[in-house]
Amino acid sequence: MDLTNPIIILGVERSGTTLLYSILANHPDLYWFSRLDSLMPGMPVLASILRRASLIFAKGSYIAVPGTVSRSRGLIPPSECVPYWKRIFKWGNEDDYLIEDDYFDETDLTSEEKERILSDLSKRLRLMHKSRLLFKQPGLTLRIKYLNALFSEARFLHVIRNPLNHLYSLRKAKQDSGQKFWGIKIPGWRNYLEVDLAIQSAMHIKSVMDILEDDLTAKAEIRERYLQIKYEDIVTKPMRTMTGVLSFCELDLTPEIEVSLEGIQNRDHLVEQTNIPEDAVKILEPLYEKYNYALEGTTAGGK
């Protein structure tokens, strides 16, 4: 059991993080939060007992459900476990957000908090007989310095996606949420409460990507434990992509992972770039060159 080297999935909402999470959750060595843990974030013993009991009846693999937000098939599927992270970062809710934004660095981690978090996670690993942690929660993307201070050897997996397709999907999620600013609270997020959702989505994506890049530059040692993964590669060449991901994480390709990959399909289809303000497209243009995406022939789909 090693608490120093968890696998932490980063990425803006709707970039493909749920898909990667659901695949890796099938690895027998990894502990991840389930929906049960979301219901009882402060009761690891009871949640673990119920999870272990559920394994008697569990069949099939965990895999992301196409067309949904943060949902996976399975009796006790992987969860972002927002209530758990909320206890740590104490962000409240959108109407009464108790912190300025979602950016945290190493100065925000006290020694007492570090000891408390590691003690809790150690207990969870022991109870579930697992050797390593797996986390996914989009807000963690703005907390890579904090997480590096908490877990000195963490492996960071950053999922990115064709910028315009990402904007389409994120805008729809924001529309469906009914919130004024759904998702990661970027610095200055309150300035975008009344703007067009396409502009808000573009700034959301661009800001998170820029801040993460700045943090990686400031902490060069983190980059050695950082892997960028394109959503498009996961859905078009899943075996090759996941073999590389597992190797980076120093994990074996197991039968459970192979089975989970059988359920992956490339659901992308060509879309017309309509109803997107030109200003929103311009915000995202620098990301195309930086991350080697083509401006023409974009596709939509994924989660």
Foldseek 3Di string as FASTA:
>chain_A
DAEQAAEEEEEFFQQFSLQVQQLVVLDPQEDAAWVLCLVPVPCLLVSLVVVVVCVVVKDAGWGDDFPDGNDTDIPTGGGLSVVNVCVVVVQDDPVCGPDQFLADACVVDDPVNLVVVVVVVVVNCVSNVHDHYYHYDHSCLNYVRNVCNSRVNYAYEYEGEDLLQSLVVVLVVVVVVPAQQPTGGARVLVVRSPPDSSQSSLCSRLRSVVSSVVVCVVVVVNVLRYDYDYSVCCQPPVVVRVCVVCVSSVHDDDPSSVSRSVPGHDPKDFDDSPPRDPVSVVSCVVVCVVVVHDPPRDIHTHD
